[in-house]
Amino acid sequence: MTDPLYSSYADDEDMLELVEMFVEELPDRVHSLESAISQGDLPQLETLAHQIKGSAGSYGFQVITEAAGRLEHLLK
C-alpha cells in the first residue's frame, strides 16, 4: 500500500492554488516520464526528472523531490 503524498504547504492558503495546479499536472508529467523511458530517451528523462525535482520542491512535496533527484542523479 502506498501512503498518500502531502505538501508541506497544504495548510497555506496562499499556496493552495499552486499546490493544486501541481497535483493536477502530475499525471501528465508521469506520462512524459513513461514515454521517455519507453523511447529510451535518457536526455529527455533527465530533463523531466530535473523539472519535477524543482517543481515538487517548490510546492512542498519532499518525497517527490527526493525521488526525482535520485533519478536525475542516476541519469548523469
PDB file of N, CA and C in Angstrom:
ATOM      1  N   MET A   1       0.840  -1.179   0.000  1.00  0.00           N
ATOM      2  CA  MET A   1       0.000   0.000   0.000  1.00  0.00           C
ATOM      3  C   MET A   1       0.884   1.241   0.000  1.00  0.00           C
ATOM      4  N   THR A   2       0.505   2.226  -0.774  1.00  0.00           N
ATOM      5  CA  THR A   2       1.262   3.462  -0.876  1.00  0.00           C
ATOM      6  C   THR A   2       0.632   4.525   0.006  1.00  0.00           C
ATOM      7  N   ASP A   3       1.472   5.188   0.781  1.00  0.00           N
ATOM      8  CA  ASP A   3       0.977   6.273   1.619  1.00  0.00           C
ATOM      9  C   ASP A   3       0.651   7.476   0.746  1.00  0.00           C
ATOM     10  N   PRO A   4      -0.352   8.266   1.140  1.00  0.00           N
ATOM     11  CA  PRO A   4      -0.671   9.474   0.378  1.00  0.00           C
ATOM     12  C   PRO A   4       0.468  10.490   0.494  1.00  0.00           C
ATOM     13  N   LEU A   5       0.602  11.305  -0.515  1.00  0.00           N
ATOM     14  CA  LEU A   5       1.610  12.359  -0.509  1.00  0.00           C
ATOM     15  C   LEU A   5       0.969  13.657  -0.052  1.00  0.00           C
ATOM     16  N   TYR A   6       1.684  14.372   0.772  1.00  0.00           N
ATOM     17  CA  TYR A   6       1.188  15.653   1.265  1.00  0.00           C
ATOM     18  C   TYR A   6       2.220  16.731   1.002  1.00  0.00           C
ATOM     19  N   SER A   7       1.719  17.910   0.685  1.00  0.00           N
ATOM     20  CA  SER A   7       2.584  19.066   0.541  1.00  0.00           C
ATOM     21  C   SER A   7       2.769  19.719   1.900  1.00  0.00           C
ATOM     22  N   SER A   8       3.970  20.193   2.158  1.00  0.00           N
ATOM     23  CA  SER A   8       4.199  20.933   3.399  1.00  0.00           C
ATOM     24  C   SER A   8       3.462  22.269   3.373  1.00  0.00           C
ATOM     25  N   TYR A   9       2.927  22.642   2.212  1.00  0.00           N
ATOM     26  CA  TYR A   9       2.138  23.867   2.076  1.00  0.00           C
ATOM     27  C   TYR A   9       0.639  23.598   2.054  1.00  0.00           C
ATOM     28  N   ALA A  10       0.223  22.402   2.386  1.00  0.00           N
ATOM     29  CA  ALA A  10      -1.189  22.023   2.291  1.00  0.00           C
ATOM     30  C   ALA A  10      -2.104  22.932   3.109  1.00  0.00           C
ATOM     31  N   ASP A  11      -1.604  23.471   4.192  1.00  0.00           N
ATOM     32  CA  ASP A  11      -2.429  24.328   5.043  1.00  0.00           C
ATOM     33  C   ASP A  11      -2.181  25.813   4.804  1.00  0.00           C
ATOM     34  N   ASP A  12      -1.412  26.141   3.791  1.00  0.00           N
ATOM     35  CA  ASP A  12      -1.087  27.533   3.482  1.00  0.00           C
ATOM     36  C   ASP A  12      -2.038  28.033   2.396  1.00  0.00           C
ATOM     37  N   GLU A  13      -2.982  28.879   2.779  1.00  0.00           N
ATOM     38  CA  GLU A  13      -3.991  29.358   1.826  1.00  0.00           C
ATOM     39  C   GLU A  13      -3.372  30.087   0.642  1.00  0.00           C
ATOM     40  N   ASP A  14      -2.243  30.755   0.858  1.00  0.00           N
ATOM     41  CA  ASP A  14      -1.592  31.483  -0.229  1.00  0.00           C
ATOM     42  C   ASP A  14      -0.994  30.540  -1.274  1.00  0.00           C
ATOM     43  N   MET A  15      -0.672  29.329  -0.878  1.00  0.00           N
ATOM     44  CA  MET A  15      -0.044  28.355  -1.781  1.00  0.00           C
ATOM     45  C   MET A  15      -1.022  27.321  -2.325  1.00  0.00           C
ATOM     46  N   LEU A  16      -2.216  27.268  -1.776  1.00  0.00           N
ATOM     47  CA  LEU A  16      -3.155  26.194  -2.091  1.00  0.00           C
ATOM     48  C   LEU A  16      -3.415  26.053  -3.589  1.00  0.00           C
ATOM     49  N   GLU A  17      -3.672  27.149  -4.277  1.00  0.00           N
ATOM     50  CA  GLU A  17      -3.978  27.068  -5.703  1.00  0.00           C
ATOM     51  C   GLU A  17      -2.782  26.532  -6.496  1.00  0.00           C
ATOM     52  N   LEU A  18      -1.589  26.975  -6.141  1.00  0.00           N
ATOM     53  CA  LEU A  18      -0.389  26.499  -6.836  1.00  0.00           C
ATOM     54  C   LEU A  18      -0.141  25.017  -6.576  1.00  0.00           C
ATOM     55  N   VAL A  19      -0.340  24.597  -5.338  1.00  0.00           N
ATOM     56  CA  VAL A  19      -0.168  23.183  -4.990  1.00  0.00           C
ATOM     57  C   VAL A  19      -1.167  22.334  -5.769  1.00  0.00           C
ATOM     58  N   GLU A  20      -2.410  22.799  -5.836  1.00  0.00           N
ATOM     59  CA  GLU A  20      -3.437  22.055  -6.577  1.00  0.00           C
ATOM     60  C   GLU A  20      -3.087  21.958  -8.057  1.00  0.00           C
ATOM     61  N   MET A  21      -2.552  23.038  -8.636  1.00  0.00           N
ATOM     62  CA  MET A  21      -2.155  23.004 -10.048  1.00  0.00           C
ATOM     63  C   MET A  21      -1.047  21.978 -10.272  1.00  0.00           C
ATOM     64  N   PHE A  22      -0.079  21.927  -9.359  1.00  0.00           N
ATOM     65  CA  PHE A  22       0.997  20.943  -9.483  1.00  0.00           C
ATOM     66  C   PHE A  22       0.427  19.530  -9.449  1.00  0.00           C
ATOM     67  N   VAL A  23      -0.473  19.282  -8.514  1.00  0.00           N
ATOM     68  CA  VAL A  23      -1.076  17.950  -8.377  1.00  0.00           C
ATOM     69  C   VAL A  23      -1.855  17.586  -9.638  1.00  0.00           C
ATOM     70  N   GLU A  24      -2.583  18.547 -10.201  1.00  0.00           N
ATOM     71  CA  GLU A  24      -3.357  18.282 -11.417  1.00  0.00           C
ATOM     72  C   GLU A  24      -2.450  17.962 -12.602  1.00  0.00           C
ATOM     73  N   GLU A  25      -1.273  18.586 -12.649  1.00  0.00           N
ATOM     74  CA  GLU A  25      -0.348  18.374 -13.760  1.00  0.00           C
ATOM     75  C   GLU A  25       0.517  17.125 -13.586  1.00  0.00           C
ATOM     76  N   LEU A  26       0.559  16.586 -12.394  1.00  0.00           N
ATOM     77  CA  LEU A  26       1.455  15.465 -12.109  1.00  0.00           C
ATOM     78  C   LEU A  26       1.207  14.237 -12.995  1.00  0.00           C
ATOM     79  N   PRO A  27      -0.040  13.836 -13.255  1.00  0.00           N
ATOM     80  CA  PRO A  27      -0.234  12.677 -14.144  1.00  0.00           C
ATOM     81  C   PRO A  27       0.370  12.888 -15.537  1.00  0.00           C
ATOM     82  N   ASP A  28       0.286  14.114 -16.067  1.00  0.00           N
ATOM     83  CA  ASP A  28       0.896  14.393 -17.367  1.00  0.00           C
ATOM     84  C   ASP A  28       2.413  14.283 -17.294  1.00  0.00           C
ATOM     85  N   ARG A  29       2.982  14.736 -16.191  1.00  0.00           N
ATOM     86  CA  ARG A  29       4.433  14.647 -16.015  1.00  0.00           C
ATOM     87  C   ARG A  29       4.870  13.180 -15.920  1.00  0.00           C
ATOM     88  N   VAL A  30       4.099  12.381 -15.207  1.00  0.00           N
ATOM     89  CA  VAL A  30       4.408  10.951 -15.095  1.00  0.00           C
ATOM     90  C   VAL A  30       4.307  10.294 -16.471  1.00  0.00           C
ATOM     91  N   HIS A  31       3.294  10.661 -17.222  1.00  0.00           N
ATOM     92  CA  HIS A  31       3.140  10.119 -18.579  1.00  0.00           C
ATOM     93  C   HIS A  31       4.352  10.484 -19.442  1.00  0.00           C
ATOM     94  N   SER A  32       4.827  11.718 -19.319  1.00  0.00           N
ATOM     95  CA  SER A  32       6.014  12.137 -20.072  1.00  0.00           C
ATOM     96  C   SER A  32       7.238  11.323 -19.667  1.00  0.00           C
ATOM     97  N   LEU A  33       7.377  11.057 -18.366  1.00  0.00           N
ATOM     98  CA  LEU A  33       8.474  10.204 -17.896  1.00  0.00           C
ATOM     99  C   LEU A  33       8.372   8.816 -18.513  1.00  0.00           C
ATOM    100  N   GLU A  34       7.170   8.253 -18.484  1.00  0.00           N
ATOM    101  CA  GLU A  34       6.959   6.916 -19.037  1.00  0.00           C
ATOM    102  C   GLU A  34       7.274   6.878 -20.528  1.00  0.00           C
ATOM    103  N   SER A  35       6.889   7.922 -21.250  1.00  0.00           N
ATOM    104  CA  SER A  35       7.178   7.986 -22.688  1.00  0.00           C
ATOM    105  C   SER A  35       8.675   8.043 -22.947  1.00  0.00           C
ATOM    106  N   ALA A  36       9.378   8.865 -22.171  1.00  0.00           N
ATOM    107  CA  ALA A  36      10.833   8.966 -22.338  1.00  0.00           C
ATOM    108  C   ALA A  36      11.502   7.630 -22.040  1.00  0.00           C
ATOM    109  N   ILE A  37      11.004   6.932 -21.027  1.00  0.00           N
ATOM    110  CA  ILE A  37      11.554   5.615 -20.691  1.00  0.00           C
ATOM    111  C   ILE A  37      11.313   4.637 -21.834  1.00  0.00           C
ATOM    112  N   SER A  38      10.082   4.581 -22.327  1.00  0.00           N
ATOM    113  CA  SER A  38       9.756   3.611 -23.375  1.00  0.00           C
ATOM    114  C   SER A  38      10.497   3.901 -24.672  1.00  0.00           C
ATOM    115  N   GLN A  39      10.848   5.167 -24.902  1.00  0.00           N
ATOM    116  CA  GLN A  39      11.588   5.537 -26.110  1.00  0.00           C
ATOM    117  C   GLN A  39      13.101   5.481 -25.897  1.00  0.00           C
ATOM    118  N   GLY A  40      13.508   5.208 -24.669  1.00  0.00           N
ATOM    119  CA  GLY A  40      14.936   5.165 -24.376  1.00  0.00           C
ATOM    120  C   GLY A  40      15.608   6.526 -24.479  1.00  0.00           C
ATOM    121  N   ASP A  41      14.829   7.582 -24.285  1.00  0.00           N
ATOM    122  CA  ASP A  41      15.333   8.953 -24.411  1.00  0.00           C
ATOM    123  C   ASP A  41      15.875   9.424 -23.063  1.00  0.00           C
ATOM    124  N   LEU A  42      17.107   9.022 -22.766  1.00  0.00           N
ATOM    125  CA  LEU A  42      17.697   9.331 -21.463  1.00  0.00           C
ATOM    126  C   LEU A  42      17.926  10.823 -21.236  1.00  0.00           C
ATOM    127  N   PRO A  43      18.347  11.598 -22.247  1.00  0.00           N
ATOM    128  CA  PRO A  43      18.480  13.040 -22.009  1.00  0.00           C
ATOM    129  C   PRO A  43      17.140  13.693 -21.641  1.00  0.00           C
ATOM    130  N   GLN A  44      16.080  13.292 -22.324  1.00  0.00           N
ATOM    131  CA  GLN A  44      14.757  13.834 -22.006  1.00  0.00           C
ATOM    132  C   GLN A  44      14.315  13.383 -20.619  1.00  0.00           C
ATOM    133  N   LEU A  45      14.605  12.159 -20.276  1.00  0.00           N
ATOM    134  CA  LEU A  45      14.259  11.632 -18.957  1.00  0.00           C
ATOM    135  C   LEU A  45      14.973  12.428 -17.865  1.00  0.00           C
ATOM    136  N   GLU A  46      16.244  12.734 -18.088  1.00  0.00           N
ATOM    137  CA  GLU A  46      16.995  13.538 -17.113  1.00  0.00           C
ATOM    138  C   GLU A  46      16.397  14.939 -16.983  1.00  0.00           C
ATOM    139  N   THR A  47      16.036  15.540 -18.109  1.00  0.00           N
ATOM    140  CA  THR A  47      15.421  16.873 -18.090  1.00  0.00           C
ATOM    141  C   THR A  47      14.111  16.856 -17.323  1.00  0.00           C
ATOM    142  N   LEU A  48      13.283  15.871 -17.588  1.00  0.00           N
ATOM    143  CA  LEU A  48      11.994  15.765 -16.899  1.00  0.00           C
ATOM    144  C   LEU A  48      12.179  15.543 -15.404  1.00  0.00           C
ATOM    145  N   ALA A  49      13.118  14.684 -15.036  1.00  0.00           N
ATOM    146  CA  ALA A  49      13.386  14.438 -13.615  1.00  0.00           C
ATOM    147  C   ALA A  49      13.834  15.723 -12.931  1.00  0.00           C
ATOM    148  N   HIS A  50      14.685  16.488 -13.594  1.00  0.00           N
ATOM    149  CA  HIS A  50      15.158  17.759 -13.046  1.00  0.00           C
ATOM    150  C   HIS A  50      13.989  18.729 -12.847  1.00  0.00           C
ATOM    151  N   GLN A  51      13.119  18.822 -13.843  1.00  0.00           N
ATOM    152  CA  GLN A  51      11.966  19.720 -13.755  1.00  0.00           C
ATOM    153  C   GLN A  51      11.030  19.311 -12.622  1.00  0.00           C
ATOM    154  N   ILE A  52      10.766  18.030 -12.520  1.00  0.00           N
ATOM    155  CA  ILE A  52       9.879  17.546 -11.456  1.00  0.00           C
ATOM    156  C   ILE A  52      10.505  17.788 -10.092  1.00  0.00           C
ATOM    157  N   LYS A  53      11.804  17.544  -9.984  1.00  0.00           N
ATOM    158  CA  LYS A  53      12.505  17.778  -8.715  1.00  0.00           C
ATOM    159  C   LYS A  53      12.320  19.226  -8.273  1.00  0.00           C
ATOM    160  N   GLY A  54      12.531  20.156  -9.185  1.00  0.00           N
ATOM    161  CA  GLY A  54      12.403  21.571  -8.850  1.00  0.00           C
ATOM    162  C   GLY A  54      10.984  21.977  -8.515  1.00  0.00           C
ATOM    163  N   SER A  55      10.046  21.543  -9.330  1.00  0.00           N
ATOM    164  CA  SER A  55       8.643  21.896  -9.093  1.00  0.00           C
ATOM    165  C   SER A  55       8.128  21.294  -7.799  1.00  0.00           C
ATOM    166  N   ALA A  56       8.413  20.036  -7.587  1.00  0.00           N
ATOM    167  CA  ALA A  56       7.938  19.368  -6.371  1.00  0.00           C
ATOM    168  C   ALA A  56       8.513  20.044  -5.130  1.00  0.00           C
ATOM    169  N   GLY A  57       9.770  20.432  -5.209  1.00  0.00           N
ATOM    170  CA  GLY A  57      10.382  21.130  -4.086  1.00  0.00           C
ATOM    171  C   GLY A  57       9.733  22.476  -3.830  1.00  0.00           C
ATOM    172  N   SER A  58       9.409  23.177  -4.900  1.00  0.00           N
ATOM    173  CA  SER A  58       8.778  24.488  -4.766  1.00  0.00           C
ATOM    174  C   SER A  58       7.395  24.407  -4.138  1.00  0.00           C
ATOM    175  N   TYR A  59       6.729  23.279  -4.344  1.00  0.00           N
ATOM    176  CA  TYR A  59       5.364  23.134  -3.843  1.00  0.00           C
ATOM    177  C   TYR A  59       5.274  22.242  -2.614  1.00  0.00           C
ATOM    178  N   GLY A  60       6.411  21.928  -2.016  1.00  0.00           N
ATOM    179  CA  GLY A  60       6.423  21.259  -0.721  1.00  0.00           C
ATOM    180  C   GLY A  60       6.267  19.754  -0.730  1.00  0.00           C
ATOM    181  N   PHE A  61       6.537  19.112  -1.853  1.00  0.00           N
ATOM    182  CA  PHE A  61       6.423  17.659  -1.941  1.00  0.00           C
ATOM    183  C   PHE A  61       7.812  17.036  -1.827  1.00  0.00           C
ATOM    184  N   GLN A  62       8.300  16.919  -0.615  1.00  0.00           N
ATOM    185  CA  GLN A  62       9.669  16.471  -0.361  1.00  0.00           C
ATOM    186  C   GLN A  62       9.934  15.058  -0.883  1.00  0.00           C
ATOM    187  N   VAL A  63       8.977  14.160  -0.725  1.00  0.00           N
ATOM    188  CA  VAL A  63       9.173  12.776  -1.179  1.00  0.00           C
ATOM    189  C   VAL A  63       9.373  12.728  -2.695  1.00  0.00           C
ATOM    190  N   ILE A  64       8.577  13.499  -3.424  1.00  0.00           N
ATOM    191  CA  ILE A  64       8.713  13.537  -4.884  1.00  0.00           C
ATOM    192  C   ILE A  64      10.040  14.185  -5.259  1.00  0.00           C
ATOM    193  N   THR A  65      10.389  15.256  -4.561  1.00  0.00           N
ATOM    194  CA  THR A  65      11.656  15.942  -4.817  1.00  0.00           C
ATOM    195  C   THR A  65      12.827  14.976  -4.683  1.00  0.00           C
ATOM    196  N   GLU A  66      12.834  14.209  -3.614  1.00  0.00           N
ATOM    197  CA  GLU A  66      13.932  13.263  -3.376  1.00  0.00           C
ATOM    198  C   GLU A  66      13.969  12.165  -4.431  1.00  0.00           C
ATOM    199  N   ALA A  67      12.811  11.629  -4.793  1.00  0.00           N
ATOM    200  CA  ALA A  67      12.767  10.558  -5.797  1.00  0.00           C
ATOM    201  C   ALA A  67      13.230  11.072  -7.159  1.00  0.00           C
ATOM    202  N   ALA A  68      12.753  12.240  -7.546  1.00  0.00           N
ATOM    203  CA  ALA A  68      13.161  12.811  -8.829  1.00  0.00           C
ATOM    204  C   ALA A  68      14.651  13.149  -8.819  1.00  0.00           C
ATOM    205  N   GLY A  69      15.149  13.597  -7.685  1.00  0.00           N
ATOM    206  CA  GLY A  69      16.575  13.891  -7.561  1.00  0.00           C
ATOM    207  C   GLY A  69      17.429  12.645  -7.705  1.00  0.00           C
ATOM    208  N   ARG A  70      16.979  11.548  -7.119  1.00  0.00           N
ATOM    209  CA  ARG A  70      17.717  10.283  -7.261  1.00  0.00           C
ATOM    210  C   ARG A  70      17.737   9.836  -8.722  1.00  0.00           C
ATOM    211  N   LEU A  71      16.590   9.957  -9.391  1.00  0.00           N
ATOM    212  CA  LEU A  71      16.520   9.586 -10.803  1.00  0.00           C
ATOM    213  C   LEU A  71      17.450  10.466 -11.628  1.00  0.00           C
ATOM    214  N   GLU A  72      17.399  11.758 -11.388  1.00  0.00           N
ATOM    215  CA  GLU A  72      18.269  12.679 -12.122  1.00  0.00           C
ATOM    216  C   GLU A  72      19.740  12.315 -11.900  1.00  0.00           C
ATOM    217  N   HIS A  73      20.107  12.033 -10.666  1.00  0.00           N
ATOM    218  CA  HIS A  73      21.493  11.675 -10.341  1.00  0.00           C
ATOM    219  C   HIS A  73      21.921  10.398 -11.076  1.00  0.00           C
ATOM    220  N   LEU A  74      21.048   9.419 -11.137  1.00  0.00           N
ATOM    221  CA  LEU A  74      21.369   8.164 -11.828  1.00  0.00           C
ATOM    222  C   LEU A  74      21.583   8.365 -13.325  1.00  0.00           C
ATOM    223  N   LEU A  75      20.929   9.369 -13.877  1.00  0.00           N
ATOM    224  CA  LEU A  75      20.997   9.593 -15.317  1.00  0.00           C
ATOM    225  C   LEU A  75      22.172  10.468 -15.736  1.00  0.00           C
ATOM    226  N   LYS A  76      22.860  11.063 -14.782  1.00  0.00           N
ATOM    227  CA  LYS A  76      24.007  11.934 -15.129  1.00  0.00           C
ATOM    228  C   LYS A  76      25.228  11.114 -15.433  1.00  0.00           C
TER     229      LYS A  76
END
